[in-house]
């Protein structure tokens, strides 16, 4: 199997999962929307998005689905099963609509748009994202004050997914310092080599810089 990736947030998540699991995949940097690439990638993923897991005769797209597949392939409980599975899915679902979405809104304005020159920062969108961040972070803060990880007693995919945009906080400038339990949790994640530097040893061109950083 081959995992196609880039350095952007969701592809980074996919690579971090694969390397944390020690999954038996080859890694290939890709840019499906680059000129001349759509014809190659559209049969594998009609959205032309990454990460993308492909094998002879099949493919799987979306980071959550890829994490589930790789965890099952490796016989790992990183993608929880049994009694902890509903707890993990609860955080995946909530994060997508709440905390992770808030991080995404702010990062898109302060990071992605500036990195790729696709428009000025929309201050109203940043304010919207920060309002949602401050509304949802206390919920995550309270949960992490009771336990070190979101589902069970060890790190799970819920933790990786919840932190999708935090490696890019130099650009997003989310006020993590207002939430000490979230900061401690993220420091624990940073102690995991596959999360801290998922691209180590891979052919992975750096992202374009964000002006001013």
N, C-alpha and C. Protein backbone atom coordinates (compact mmCIF):
# COMPACT_ATOMS: atom_id res chain seq x y z
N UNK A 1 0.84 -1.19 0.00
CA UNK A 1 0.00 0.00 0.00
C UNK A 1 0.88 1.24 0.00
N UNK A 2 0.32 2.33 -0.53
CA UNK A 2 1.04 3.58 -0.58
C UNK A 2 0.18 4.68 0.01
N UNK A 3 0.79 5.52 0.84
CA UNK A 3 0.11 6.66 1.43
C UNK A 3 0.62 7.92 0.75
N UNK A 4 -0.27 8.57 0.02
CA UNK A 4 0.06 9.83 -0.62
C UNK A 4 -0.22 10.96 0.37
N UNK A 5 0.69 11.92 0.46
CA UNK A 5 0.58 12.92 1.52
C UNK A 5 1.17 14.25 1.07
N UNK A 6 0.90 15.26 1.85
CA UNK A 6 1.61 16.53 1.79
C UNK A 6 1.87 16.97 3.22
N UNK A 7 2.38 18.18 3.40
CA UNK A 7 2.66 18.67 4.75
C UNK A 7 1.49 19.44 5.37
N UNK A 8 0.38 19.53 4.69
CA UNK A 8 -0.77 20.25 5.21
C UNK A 8 -1.42 19.47 6.36
N UNK A 9 -2.34 20.10 7.12
CA UNK A 9 -2.80 19.49 8.38
C UNK A 9 -3.36 18.08 8.29
N UNK A 10 -4.34 17.82 7.44
CA UNK A 10 -4.91 16.48 7.40
C UNK A 10 -3.94 15.43 6.84
N UNK A 11 -3.21 15.73 5.77
CA UNK A 11 -2.19 14.77 5.35
C UNK A 11 -1.12 14.53 6.40
N UNK A 12 -0.74 15.58 7.12
CA UNK A 12 0.22 15.39 8.22
C UNK A 12 -0.34 14.42 9.24
N UNK A 13 -1.60 14.56 9.56
CA UNK A 13 -2.26 13.63 10.49
C UNK A 13 -2.15 12.20 9.99
N UNK A 14 -2.42 11.99 8.70
CA UNK A 14 -2.36 10.64 8.14
C UNK A 14 -0.97 10.04 8.25
N UNK A 15 0.06 10.83 7.97
CA UNK A 15 1.43 10.33 8.07
C UNK A 15 1.78 10.02 9.52
N UNK A 16 1.37 10.91 10.44
CA UNK A 16 1.66 10.68 11.85
C UNK A 16 1.05 9.38 12.34
N UNK A 17 -0.19 9.12 11.92
CA UNK A 17 -0.85 7.87 12.30
C UNK A 17 -0.07 6.67 11.77
N UNK A 18 0.26 6.71 10.48
CA UNK A 18 0.95 5.57 9.87
C UNK A 18 2.29 5.30 10.54
N UNK A 19 3.03 6.34 10.85
CA UNK A 19 4.34 6.15 11.46
C UNK A 19 4.23 5.74 12.93
N UNK A 20 3.23 6.26 13.63
CA UNK A 20 3.01 5.84 15.01
C UNK A 20 2.67 4.35 15.07
N UNK A 21 1.89 3.88 14.11
CA UNK A 21 1.50 2.48 14.09
C UNK A 21 2.58 1.57 13.51
N UNK A 22 3.57 2.14 12.86
CA UNK A 22 4.53 1.32 12.14
C UNK A 22 3.88 0.59 10.98
N UNK A 23 2.93 1.26 10.34
CA UNK A 23 2.16 0.62 9.27
C UNK A 23 3.04 0.27 8.08
N UNK A 24 2.68 -0.79 7.43
CA UNK A 24 3.45 -1.29 6.28
C UNK A 24 2.97 -0.58 5.01
N UNK A 25 3.37 0.67 4.90
CA UNK A 25 3.00 1.47 3.73
C UNK A 25 4.24 2.17 3.21
N UNK A 26 4.21 2.45 1.92
CA UNK A 26 5.20 3.35 1.32
C UNK A 26 4.61 4.75 1.33
N UNK A 27 5.48 5.75 1.43
CA UNK A 27 5.03 7.14 1.48
C UNK A 27 5.43 7.85 0.20
N UNK A 28 4.50 8.63 -0.34
CA UNK A 28 4.82 9.41 -1.54
C UNK A 28 4.21 10.80 -1.42
N UNK A 29 5.06 11.82 -1.48
CA UNK A 29 4.59 13.19 -1.50
C UNK A 29 3.81 13.42 -2.78
N UNK A 30 2.68 14.12 -2.68
CA UNK A 30 1.82 14.29 -3.85
C UNK A 30 1.15 15.66 -3.81
N UNK A 31 0.70 16.08 -4.98
CA UNK A 31 -0.05 17.33 -5.12
C UNK A 31 -1.11 17.12 -6.20
N UNK A 32 -2.23 16.48 -5.83
CA UNK A 32 -3.22 16.10 -6.84
C UNK A 32 -3.80 17.25 -7.64
N UNK A 33 -3.77 18.48 -7.09
CA UNK A 33 -4.35 19.61 -7.80
C UNK A 33 -3.33 20.37 -8.63
N UNK A 34 -2.10 19.90 -8.65
CA UNK A 34 -1.08 20.53 -9.48
C UNK A 34 -1.37 20.25 -10.95
N UNK A 35 -0.91 21.11 -11.83
CA UNK A 35 -1.16 20.89 -13.26
C UNK A 35 -0.73 19.50 -13.71
N UNK A 36 -1.63 18.81 -14.40
CA UNK A 36 -1.34 17.49 -14.95
C UNK A 36 -1.49 16.34 -13.99
N UNK A 37 -1.84 16.60 -12.74
CA UNK A 37 -1.93 15.53 -11.75
C UNK A 37 -3.34 15.00 -11.53
N UNK A 38 -4.35 15.79 -11.85
CA UNK A 38 -5.73 15.39 -11.57
C UNK A 38 -6.09 14.07 -12.25
N UNK A 39 -5.63 13.88 -13.46
CA UNK A 39 -5.97 12.66 -14.19
C UNK A 39 -5.45 11.42 -13.48
N UNK A 40 -4.32 11.55 -12.82
CA UNK A 40 -3.74 10.42 -12.09
C UNK A 40 -4.53 10.12 -10.83
N UNK A 41 -4.94 11.17 -10.12
CA UNK A 41 -5.49 10.97 -8.78
C UNK A 41 -7.01 10.90 -8.72
N UNK A 42 -7.71 11.44 -9.70
CA UNK A 42 -9.17 11.44 -9.60
C UNK A 42 -9.76 10.03 -9.53
N UNK A 43 -9.23 9.04 -10.23
CA UNK A 43 -9.79 7.68 -10.08
C UNK A 43 -9.59 7.12 -8.67
N UNK A 44 -8.58 7.63 -7.95
CA UNK A 44 -8.31 7.15 -6.59
C UNK A 44 -9.10 7.93 -5.55
N UNK A 45 -9.32 9.21 -5.81
CA UNK A 45 -10.08 10.07 -4.91
C UNK A 45 -10.73 11.19 -5.73
N UNK A 46 -12.03 11.15 -5.92
CA UNK A 46 -12.69 12.17 -6.75
C UNK A 46 -12.59 13.57 -6.17
N UNK A 47 -12.25 13.68 -4.87
CA UNK A 47 -12.10 14.99 -4.25
C UNK A 47 -10.74 15.61 -4.50
N UNK A 48 -9.79 14.82 -4.99
CA UNK A 48 -8.41 15.27 -5.21
C UNK A 48 -7.78 15.81 -3.93
N UNK A 49 -8.13 15.19 -2.80
CA UNK A 49 -7.59 15.62 -1.52
C UNK A 49 -6.67 14.55 -0.94
N UNK A 50 -5.88 14.96 0.04
CA UNK A 50 -4.96 14.09 0.74
C UNK A 50 -5.28 14.12 2.22
N UNK A 51 -4.94 13.04 2.97
CA UNK A 51 -4.18 11.86 2.58
C UNK A 51 -5.01 10.89 1.76
N UNK A 52 -4.31 10.03 1.07
CA UNK A 52 -4.92 9.03 0.21
C UNK A 52 -4.13 7.73 0.35
N UNK A 53 -4.83 6.67 0.68
CA UNK A 53 -4.21 5.34 0.79
C UNK A 53 -4.62 4.54 -0.43
N UNK A 54 -3.65 4.00 -1.14
CA UNK A 54 -3.95 3.28 -2.38
C UNK A 54 -3.20 1.96 -2.43
N UNK A 55 -3.79 0.99 -3.11
CA UNK A 55 -3.19 -0.32 -3.31
C UNK A 55 -3.71 -0.85 -4.64
N UNK A 56 -3.10 -1.86 -5.19
CA UNK A 56 -3.56 -2.38 -6.48
C UNK A 56 -5.04 -2.75 -6.43
N UNK A 57 -5.84 -2.05 -7.22
CA UNK A 57 -7.26 -2.36 -7.28
C UNK A 57 -8.13 -1.62 -6.30
N UNK A 58 -7.56 -0.72 -5.47
CA UNK A 58 -8.41 -0.04 -4.51
C UNK A 58 -7.75 1.18 -3.90
N UNK A 59 -8.55 1.97 -3.21
CA UNK A 59 -8.04 3.16 -2.53
C UNK A 59 -9.00 3.54 -1.40
N UNK A 60 -8.50 4.37 -0.50
CA UNK A 60 -9.29 4.85 0.63
C UNK A 60 -8.86 6.28 0.90
N UNK A 61 -9.84 7.18 1.01
CA UNK A 61 -9.52 8.56 1.32
C UNK A 61 -10.28 9.01 2.56
N UNK A 62 -9.82 10.11 3.12
CA UNK A 62 -10.23 10.70 4.39
C UNK A 62 -9.38 10.13 5.53
N UNK A 63 -8.79 11.05 6.31
CA UNK A 63 -7.83 10.67 7.35
C UNK A 63 -8.42 9.72 8.38
N UNK A 64 -9.68 9.94 8.78
CA UNK A 64 -10.28 9.08 9.80
C UNK A 64 -10.40 7.64 9.30
N UNK A 65 -10.85 7.48 8.07
CA UNK A 65 -11.00 6.14 7.51
C UNK A 65 -9.65 5.45 7.37
N UNK A 66 -8.65 6.23 6.96
CA UNK A 66 -7.30 5.66 6.81
C UNK A 66 -6.75 5.23 8.17
N UNK A 67 -6.97 6.04 9.19
CA UNK A 67 -6.51 5.68 10.53
C UNK A 67 -7.17 4.39 11.00
N UNK A 68 -8.46 4.26 10.74
CA UNK A 68 -9.18 3.03 11.12
C UNK A 68 -8.59 1.83 10.41
N UNK A 69 -8.39 1.95 9.11
CA UNK A 69 -7.86 0.83 8.32
C UNK A 69 -6.47 0.42 8.78
N UNK A 70 -5.59 1.40 8.95
CA UNK A 70 -4.22 1.07 9.32
C UNK A 70 -4.15 0.48 10.73
N UNK A 71 -4.95 1.01 11.63
CA UNK A 71 -4.95 0.48 12.99
C UNK A 71 -5.42 -0.97 12.99
N UNK A 72 -6.46 -1.28 12.24
CA UNK A 72 -6.93 -2.67 12.14
C UNK A 72 -5.87 -3.56 11.51
N UNK A 73 -5.24 -3.06 10.44
CA UNK A 73 -4.20 -3.85 9.78
C UNK A 73 -3.07 -4.21 10.73
N UNK A 74 -2.75 -3.29 11.63
CA UNK A 74 -1.63 -3.49 12.55
C UNK A 74 -2.06 -4.15 13.86
N UNK A 75 -3.34 -4.46 13.99
CA UNK A 75 -3.82 -5.09 15.23
C UNK A 75 -3.66 -4.20 16.43
N UNK A 76 -3.82 -2.90 16.25
CA UNK A 76 -3.59 -1.93 17.31
C UNK A 76 -4.91 -1.41 17.87
N UNK A 77 -4.89 -1.01 19.14
CA UNK A 77 -6.06 -0.37 19.72
C UNK A 77 -5.97 1.15 19.62
N UNK A 78 -5.07 1.66 18.79
CA UNK A 78 -4.99 3.10 18.57
C UNK A 78 -6.34 3.61 18.10
N UNK A 79 -6.95 2.89 17.15
CA UNK A 79 -8.36 3.12 16.82
C UNK A 79 -9.13 2.20 17.75
N UNK A 80 -9.74 2.77 18.75
CA UNK A 80 -10.32 1.99 19.82
C UNK A 80 -11.41 1.03 19.34
N UNK A 81 -11.51 -0.08 20.02
CA UNK A 81 -12.60 -1.03 19.83
C UNK A 81 -13.17 -1.34 21.21
N UNK A 82 -14.22 -2.11 21.26
CA UNK A 82 -14.76 -2.51 22.55
C UNK A 82 -15.34 -1.33 23.32
N UNK A 83 -15.16 -1.34 24.64
CA UNK A 83 -15.81 -0.37 25.51
C UNK A 83 -15.33 1.06 25.27
N UNK A 84 -14.11 1.25 24.80
CA UNK A 84 -13.59 2.60 24.60
C UNK A 84 -13.96 3.20 23.25
N UNK A 85 -14.52 2.40 22.34
CA UNK A 85 -14.82 2.91 21.01
C UNK A 85 -15.86 4.03 21.02
N UNK A 86 -16.98 3.90 21.73
CA UNK A 86 -17.94 5.03 21.74
C UNK A 86 -17.32 6.32 22.27
N UNK A 87 -16.45 6.20 23.29
CA UNK A 87 -15.79 7.40 23.83
C UNK A 87 -14.91 8.05 22.78
N UNK A 88 -14.15 7.25 22.04
CA UNK A 88 -13.31 7.80 20.99
C UNK A 88 -14.15 8.48 19.92
N UNK A 89 -15.21 7.81 19.48
CA UNK A 89 -16.05 8.36 18.41
C UNK A 89 -16.74 9.63 18.89
N UNK A 90 -17.12 9.69 20.16
CA UNK A 90 -17.72 10.90 20.70
C UNK A 90 -16.78 12.10 20.50
N UNK A 91 -15.48 11.91 20.83
CA UNK A 91 -14.54 13.00 20.68
C UNK A 91 -14.24 13.32 19.23
N UNK A 92 -14.20 12.31 18.37
CA UNK A 92 -14.01 12.58 16.94
C UNK A 92 -15.15 13.42 16.40
N UNK A 93 -16.37 13.04 16.73
CA UNK A 93 -17.55 13.76 16.24
C UNK A 93 -17.61 15.17 16.79
N UNK A 94 -17.41 15.30 18.09
CA UNK A 94 -17.46 16.62 18.72
C UNK A 94 -16.34 17.52 18.19
N UNK A 95 -15.14 16.96 18.10
CA UNK A 95 -14.02 17.76 17.62
C UNK A 95 -14.25 18.30 16.23
N UNK A 96 -14.76 17.46 15.34
CA UNK A 96 -14.97 17.89 13.95
C UNK A 96 -15.87 19.10 13.87
N UNK A 97 -16.90 19.14 14.70
CA UNK A 97 -17.87 20.22 14.64
C UNK A 97 -17.55 21.37 15.58
N UNK A 98 -16.67 21.15 16.56
CA UNK A 98 -16.47 22.15 17.61
C UNK A 98 -15.00 22.59 17.71
N UNK A 99 -14.18 21.92 18.52
CA UNK A 99 -12.83 22.39 18.79
C UNK A 99 -11.95 22.38 17.54
N UNK A 100 -11.92 21.27 16.83
CA UNK A 100 -11.06 21.19 15.64
C UNK A 100 -11.53 22.18 14.58
N UNK A 101 -12.83 22.32 14.46
CA UNK A 101 -13.37 23.28 13.49
C UNK A 101 -12.96 24.70 13.84
N UNK A 102 -13.00 25.04 15.14
CA UNK A 102 -12.56 26.37 15.55
C UNK A 102 -11.10 26.61 15.18
N UNK A 103 -10.25 25.62 15.46
CA UNK A 103 -8.84 25.72 15.09
C UNK A 103 -8.67 25.90 13.59
N UNK A 104 -9.45 25.17 12.82
CA UNK A 104 -9.38 25.23 11.36
C UNK A 104 -9.75 26.62 10.85
N UNK A 105 -10.82 27.19 11.38
CA UNK A 105 -11.27 28.51 10.93
C UNK A 105 -10.15 29.54 11.10
N UNK A 106 -9.55 29.55 12.28
CA UNK A 106 -8.51 30.54 12.55
C UNK A 106 -7.25 30.25 11.73
N UNK A 107 -6.87 28.99 11.68
CA UNK A 107 -5.67 28.64 10.92
C UNK A 107 -5.83 28.95 9.44
N UNK A 108 -7.02 28.73 8.89
CA UNK A 108 -7.23 29.01 7.47
C UNK A 108 -6.97 30.49 7.17
N UNK A 109 -7.46 31.36 8.03
CA UNK A 109 -7.29 32.80 7.79
C UNK A 109 -5.86 33.25 8.01
N UNK A 110 -5.28 32.86 9.13
CA UNK A 110 -3.95 33.36 9.50
C UNK A 110 -2.82 32.55 8.89
N UNK A 111 -3.11 31.30 8.54
CA UNK A 111 -2.08 30.41 8.01
C UNK A 111 -2.25 30.12 6.53
N UNK A 112 -3.26 29.32 6.20
CA UNK A 112 -3.40 28.82 4.83
C UNK A 112 -3.52 29.95 3.81
N UNK A 113 -4.39 30.92 4.05
CA UNK A 113 -4.59 32.00 3.08
C UNK A 113 -3.32 32.80 2.87
N UNK A 114 -2.58 33.02 3.94
CA UNK A 114 -1.36 33.82 3.83
C UNK A 114 -0.24 33.00 3.19
N UNK A 115 -0.19 31.72 3.53
CA UNK A 115 0.85 30.85 2.98
C UNK A 115 0.75 30.74 1.47
N UNK A 116 -0.49 30.66 0.97
CA UNK A 116 -0.69 30.44 -0.46
C UNK A 116 -1.16 31.68 -1.21
N UNK A 117 -1.20 32.82 -0.51
CA UNK A 117 -1.54 34.07 -1.18
C UNK A 117 -2.93 34.08 -1.76
N UNK A 118 -3.92 33.59 -1.00
CA UNK A 118 -5.28 33.49 -1.55
C UNK A 118 -6.23 34.49 -0.88
N UNK A 119 -5.67 35.58 -0.37
CA UNK A 119 -6.54 36.62 0.13
C UNK A 119 -6.12 37.13 1.49
N UNK A 120 -6.61 38.32 1.84
CA UNK A 120 -6.28 38.90 3.15
C UNK A 120 -6.99 38.17 4.28
N UNK A 121 -6.49 38.36 5.47
CA UNK A 121 -7.14 37.79 6.66
C UNK A 121 -8.51 38.44 6.84
N UNK A 122 -9.53 37.62 7.00
CA UNK A 122 -10.88 38.09 7.29
C UNK A 122 -11.02 38.17 8.81
N UNK A 123 -10.99 39.38 9.34
CA UNK A 123 -11.02 39.56 10.79
C UNK A 123 -12.30 39.01 11.41
N UNK A 124 -13.41 39.09 10.67
CA UNK A 124 -14.66 38.56 11.21
C UNK A 124 -14.62 37.04 11.34
N UNK A 125 -14.00 36.38 10.38
CA UNK A 125 -13.87 34.91 10.46
C UNK A 125 -12.93 34.53 11.60
N UNK A 126 -11.85 35.27 11.78
CA UNK A 126 -10.94 34.99 12.90
C UNK A 126 -11.69 35.15 14.22
N UNK A 127 -12.47 36.21 14.34
CA UNK A 127 -13.24 36.43 15.57
C UNK A 127 -14.23 35.30 15.80
N UNK A 128 -14.86 34.85 14.72
CA UNK A 128 -15.79 33.72 14.82
C UNK A 128 -15.08 32.46 15.31
N UNK A 129 -13.91 32.19 14.72
CA UNK A 129 -13.15 31.01 15.12
C UNK A 129 -12.68 31.10 16.56
N UNK A 130 -12.22 32.27 16.98
CA UNK A 130 -11.74 32.43 18.36
C UNK A 130 -12.90 32.33 19.36
N UNK A 131 -14.06 32.84 18.98
CA UNK A 131 -15.21 32.70 19.86
C UNK A 131 -15.55 31.24 20.05
N UNK A 132 -15.53 30.46 18.96
CA UNK A 132 -15.81 29.04 19.06
C UNK A 132 -14.72 28.32 19.84
N UNK A 133 -13.48 28.74 19.64
CA UNK A 133 -12.37 28.14 20.39
C UNK A 133 -12.57 28.33 21.89
N UNK A 134 -12.88 29.55 22.30
CA UNK A 134 -13.04 29.81 23.73
C UNK A 134 -14.33 29.20 24.29
N UNK A 135 -15.26 28.88 23.44
CA UNK A 135 -16.48 28.21 23.90
C UNK A 135 -16.26 26.71 24.07
N UNK A 136 -15.41 26.14 23.23
CA UNK A 136 -15.22 24.68 23.24
C UNK A 136 -14.00 24.23 24.05
N UNK A 137 -12.96 25.06 24.11
CA UNK A 137 -11.75 24.67 24.84
C UNK A 137 -12.02 24.34 26.30
N UNK A 138 -12.90 25.05 27.01
CA UNK A 138 -13.15 24.65 28.40
C UNK A 138 -13.71 23.25 28.56
N UNK A 139 -14.44 22.77 27.56
CA UNK A 139 -14.97 21.40 27.61
C UNK A 139 -13.81 20.41 27.50
N UNK A 140 -12.92 20.67 26.56
CA UNK A 140 -11.74 19.81 26.42
C UNK A 140 -10.83 19.93 27.64
N UNK A 141 -10.68 21.14 28.15
CA UNK A 141 -9.87 21.38 29.34
C UNK A 141 -10.36 20.55 30.53
N UNK A 142 -11.68 20.55 30.73
CA UNK A 142 -12.25 19.81 31.87
C UNK A 142 -12.02 18.31 31.71
N UNK A 143 -12.21 17.81 30.50
CA UNK A 143 -12.00 16.37 30.26
C UNK A 143 -10.56 15.98 30.52
N UNK A 144 -9.62 16.79 30.05
CA UNK A 144 -8.20 16.46 30.20
C UNK A 144 -7.70 16.70 31.62
N UNK A 145 -8.47 17.42 32.41
CA UNK A 145 -8.13 17.56 33.82
C UNK A 145 -8.41 16.31 34.62
N UNK A 146 -9.23 15.41 34.05
CA UNK A 146 -9.59 14.17 34.74
C UNK A 146 -8.77 12.97 34.28
N UNK A 147 -8.12 13.08 33.13
CA UNK A 147 -7.36 11.95 32.59
C UNK A 147 -6.34 12.47 31.59
N UNK A 148 -5.28 11.72 31.35
CA UNK A 148 -4.22 12.23 30.47
C UNK A 148 -4.56 12.17 28.99
N UNK A 149 -5.45 11.23 28.60
CA UNK A 149 -5.81 11.05 27.19
C UNK A 149 -7.33 11.04 27.06
N UNK A 150 -7.81 11.20 25.84
CA UNK A 150 -9.25 11.37 25.66
C UNK A 150 -10.05 10.08 25.76
N UNK A 151 -9.46 8.95 25.40
CA UNK A 151 -10.20 7.68 25.40
C UNK A 151 -9.33 6.60 26.01
N UNK A 152 -9.64 6.21 27.24
CA UNK A 152 -8.85 5.17 27.89
C UNK A 152 -7.60 5.73 28.53
N UNK A 153 -6.67 4.85 28.81
CA UNK A 153 -5.48 5.22 29.58
C UNK A 153 -4.24 5.43 28.72
N UNK A 154 -4.38 5.36 27.40
CA UNK A 154 -3.25 5.58 26.51
C UNK A 154 -3.71 6.42 25.33
N UNK A 155 -2.74 6.92 24.59
CA UNK A 155 -3.06 7.77 23.45
C UNK A 155 -3.89 6.99 22.43
N UNK A 156 -4.81 7.68 21.80
CA UNK A 156 -5.64 7.07 20.76
C UNK A 156 -5.76 8.03 19.58
N UNK A 157 -6.42 7.57 18.55
CA UNK A 157 -6.63 8.43 17.39
C UNK A 157 -7.41 9.68 17.76
N UNK A 158 -8.26 9.61 18.77
CA UNK A 158 -9.00 10.80 19.20
C UNK A 158 -8.05 11.93 19.56
N UNK A 159 -6.95 11.61 20.21
CA UNK A 159 -5.97 12.64 20.59
C UNK A 159 -5.29 13.23 19.35
N UNK A 160 -4.87 12.36 18.44
CA UNK A 160 -4.23 12.85 17.23
C UNK A 160 -5.20 13.74 16.45
N UNK A 161 -6.44 13.29 16.28
CA UNK A 161 -7.41 14.06 15.50
C UNK A 161 -7.72 15.40 16.16
N UNK A 162 -7.87 15.42 17.48
CA UNK A 162 -8.19 16.66 18.17
C UNK A 162 -7.08 17.68 17.99
N UNK A 163 -5.85 17.22 17.83
CA UNK A 163 -4.70 18.12 17.74
C UNK A 163 -4.30 18.43 16.30
N UNK A 164 -5.13 18.12 15.33
CA UNK A 164 -4.76 18.24 13.92
C UNK A 164 -4.06 19.55 13.58
N UNK A 165 -4.60 20.66 14.07
CA UNK A 165 -4.10 21.98 13.65
C UNK A 165 -3.07 22.58 14.61
N UNK A 166 -2.84 21.93 15.73
CA UNK A 166 -1.96 22.53 16.74
C UNK A 166 -0.49 22.58 16.33
N UNK A 167 0.02 21.66 15.48
CA UNK A 167 1.40 21.84 15.03
C UNK A 167 1.61 23.10 14.19
N UNK A 168 0.52 23.74 13.78
CA UNK A 168 0.58 24.93 12.93
C UNK A 168 0.23 26.19 13.72
N UNK A 169 0.34 26.10 15.04
CA UNK A 169 -0.11 27.22 15.86
C UNK A 169 0.84 28.41 15.82
N UNK A 170 2.03 28.23 15.25
CA UNK A 170 2.88 29.41 15.05
C UNK A 170 2.19 30.40 14.12
N UNK A 171 1.40 29.88 13.17
CA UNK A 171 0.65 30.74 12.26
C UNK A 171 -0.71 31.11 12.84
N UNK A 172 -1.43 30.13 13.41
CA UNK A 172 -2.79 30.37 13.88
C UNK A 172 -2.82 31.24 15.14
N UNK A 173 -1.83 31.10 16.00
CA UNK A 173 -1.73 31.88 17.24
C UNK A 173 -2.97 31.72 18.12
N UNK A 174 -3.44 30.49 18.23
CA UNK A 174 -4.53 30.20 19.15
C UNK A 174 -4.03 30.32 20.58
N UNK A 175 -4.83 30.84 21.49
CA UNK A 175 -4.37 31.10 22.86
C UNK A 175 -4.38 29.85 23.75
N UNK A 176 -3.53 28.89 23.40
CA UNK A 176 -3.48 27.66 24.19
C UNK A 176 -3.06 27.92 25.63
N UNK A 177 -2.30 29.00 25.85
CA UNK A 177 -1.84 29.30 27.18
C UNK A 177 -2.96 29.60 28.17
N UNK A 178 -4.15 29.87 27.65
CA UNK A 178 -5.30 30.10 28.53
C UNK A 178 -5.83 28.80 29.13
N UNK A 179 -5.33 27.66 28.62
CA UNK A 179 -5.89 26.36 29.01
C UNK A 179 -4.75 25.41 29.37
N UNK A 180 -4.33 25.40 30.64
CA UNK A 180 -3.13 24.64 31.02
C UNK A 180 -3.26 23.13 30.82
N UNK A 181 -4.45 22.56 31.00
CA UNK A 181 -4.60 21.11 30.79
C UNK A 181 -4.42 20.77 29.32
N UNK A 182 -4.94 21.60 28.44
CA UNK A 182 -4.75 21.38 27.00
C UNK A 182 -3.28 21.51 26.65
N UNK A 183 -2.62 22.50 27.22
CA UNK A 183 -1.17 22.65 26.98
C UNK A 183 -0.40 21.42 27.45
N UNK A 184 -0.71 20.91 28.63
CA UNK A 184 -0.02 19.72 29.14
C UNK A 184 -0.28 18.52 28.25
N UNK A 185 -1.53 18.35 27.85
CA UNK A 185 -1.89 17.25 26.94
C UNK A 185 -1.11 17.35 25.64
N UNK A 186 -1.01 18.57 25.10
CA UNK A 186 -0.30 18.70 23.84
C UNK A 186 1.20 18.45 24.01
N UNK A 187 1.75 18.82 25.14
CA UNK A 187 3.17 18.49 25.39
C UNK A 187 3.37 16.98 25.44
N UNK A 188 2.40 16.26 25.99
CA UNK A 188 2.50 14.79 25.98
C UNK A 188 2.49 14.27 24.54
N UNK A 189 1.65 14.82 23.71
CA UNK A 189 1.64 14.41 22.31
C UNK A 189 2.99 14.69 21.65
N UNK A 190 3.56 15.83 21.95
CA UNK A 190 4.84 16.20 21.35
C UNK A 190 5.98 15.29 21.77
N UNK A 191 5.79 14.53 22.84
CA UNK A 191 6.79 13.55 23.25
C UNK A 191 6.76 12.30 22.37
N UNK A 192 5.71 12.13 21.58
CA UNK A 192 5.59 10.99 20.66
C UNK A 192 6.29 11.36 19.35
N UNK A 193 7.34 10.66 19.02
CA UNK A 193 8.18 11.05 17.88
C UNK A 193 7.38 11.13 16.59
N UNK A 194 6.49 10.16 16.37
CA UNK A 194 5.71 10.15 15.13
C UNK A 194 4.81 11.36 15.00
N UNK A 195 4.38 11.90 16.13
CA UNK A 195 3.57 13.12 16.08
C UNK A 195 4.46 14.35 15.93
N UNK A 196 5.54 14.38 16.68
CA UNK A 196 6.41 15.55 16.70
C UNK A 196 7.03 15.81 15.33
N UNK A 197 7.48 14.76 14.65
CA UNK A 197 8.14 14.93 13.35
C UNK A 197 7.79 13.76 12.44
N UNK A 198 6.55 13.74 11.93
CA UNK A 198 6.13 12.59 11.11
C UNK A 198 6.87 12.47 9.79
N UNK A 199 7.49 13.56 9.33
CA UNK A 199 8.12 13.54 8.01
C UNK A 199 9.61 13.20 8.07
N UNK A 200 10.10 12.84 9.23
CA UNK A 200 11.53 12.55 9.37
C UNK A 200 11.95 11.47 8.38
N UNK A 201 12.95 11.78 7.57
CA UNK A 201 13.48 10.82 6.61
C UNK A 201 12.69 10.68 5.33
N UNK A 202 11.56 11.41 5.21
CA UNK A 202 10.75 11.32 4.00
C UNK A 202 11.08 12.45 3.03
N UNK A 203 10.87 12.21 1.76
CA UNK A 203 10.98 13.25 0.75
C UNK A 203 9.72 14.09 0.84
N UNK A 204 9.80 15.21 1.55
CA UNK A 204 8.62 16.02 1.83
C UNK A 204 8.99 17.49 1.78
N UNK A 205 8.86 18.11 0.62
CA UNK A 205 9.21 19.53 0.51
C UNK A 205 8.49 20.38 1.55
N UNK A 206 9.18 21.34 2.10
CA UNK A 206 8.60 22.20 3.13
C UNK A 206 7.45 23.02 2.59
N UNK A 207 6.53 23.36 3.48
CA UNK A 207 5.46 24.28 3.11
C UNK A 207 6.03 25.65 2.80
N UNK A 208 5.34 26.39 1.96
CA UNK A 208 5.70 27.79 1.74
C UNK A 208 5.59 28.54 3.07
N UNK A 209 6.48 29.48 3.30
CA UNK A 209 6.42 30.21 4.58
C UNK A 209 5.20 31.14 4.64
N UNK A 210 4.76 31.39 5.87
CA UNK A 210 3.73 32.39 6.10
C UNK A 210 4.44 33.73 6.26
N UNK A 211 4.11 34.71 5.46
CA UNK A 211 4.80 36.01 5.58
C UNK A 211 4.72 36.54 7.00
N UNK A 212 5.86 37.02 7.49
CA UNK A 212 5.90 37.60 8.82
C UNK A 212 6.31 36.64 9.90
N UNK A 213 6.36 35.34 9.60
CA UNK A 213 6.78 34.35 10.61
C UNK A 213 8.26 34.02 10.45
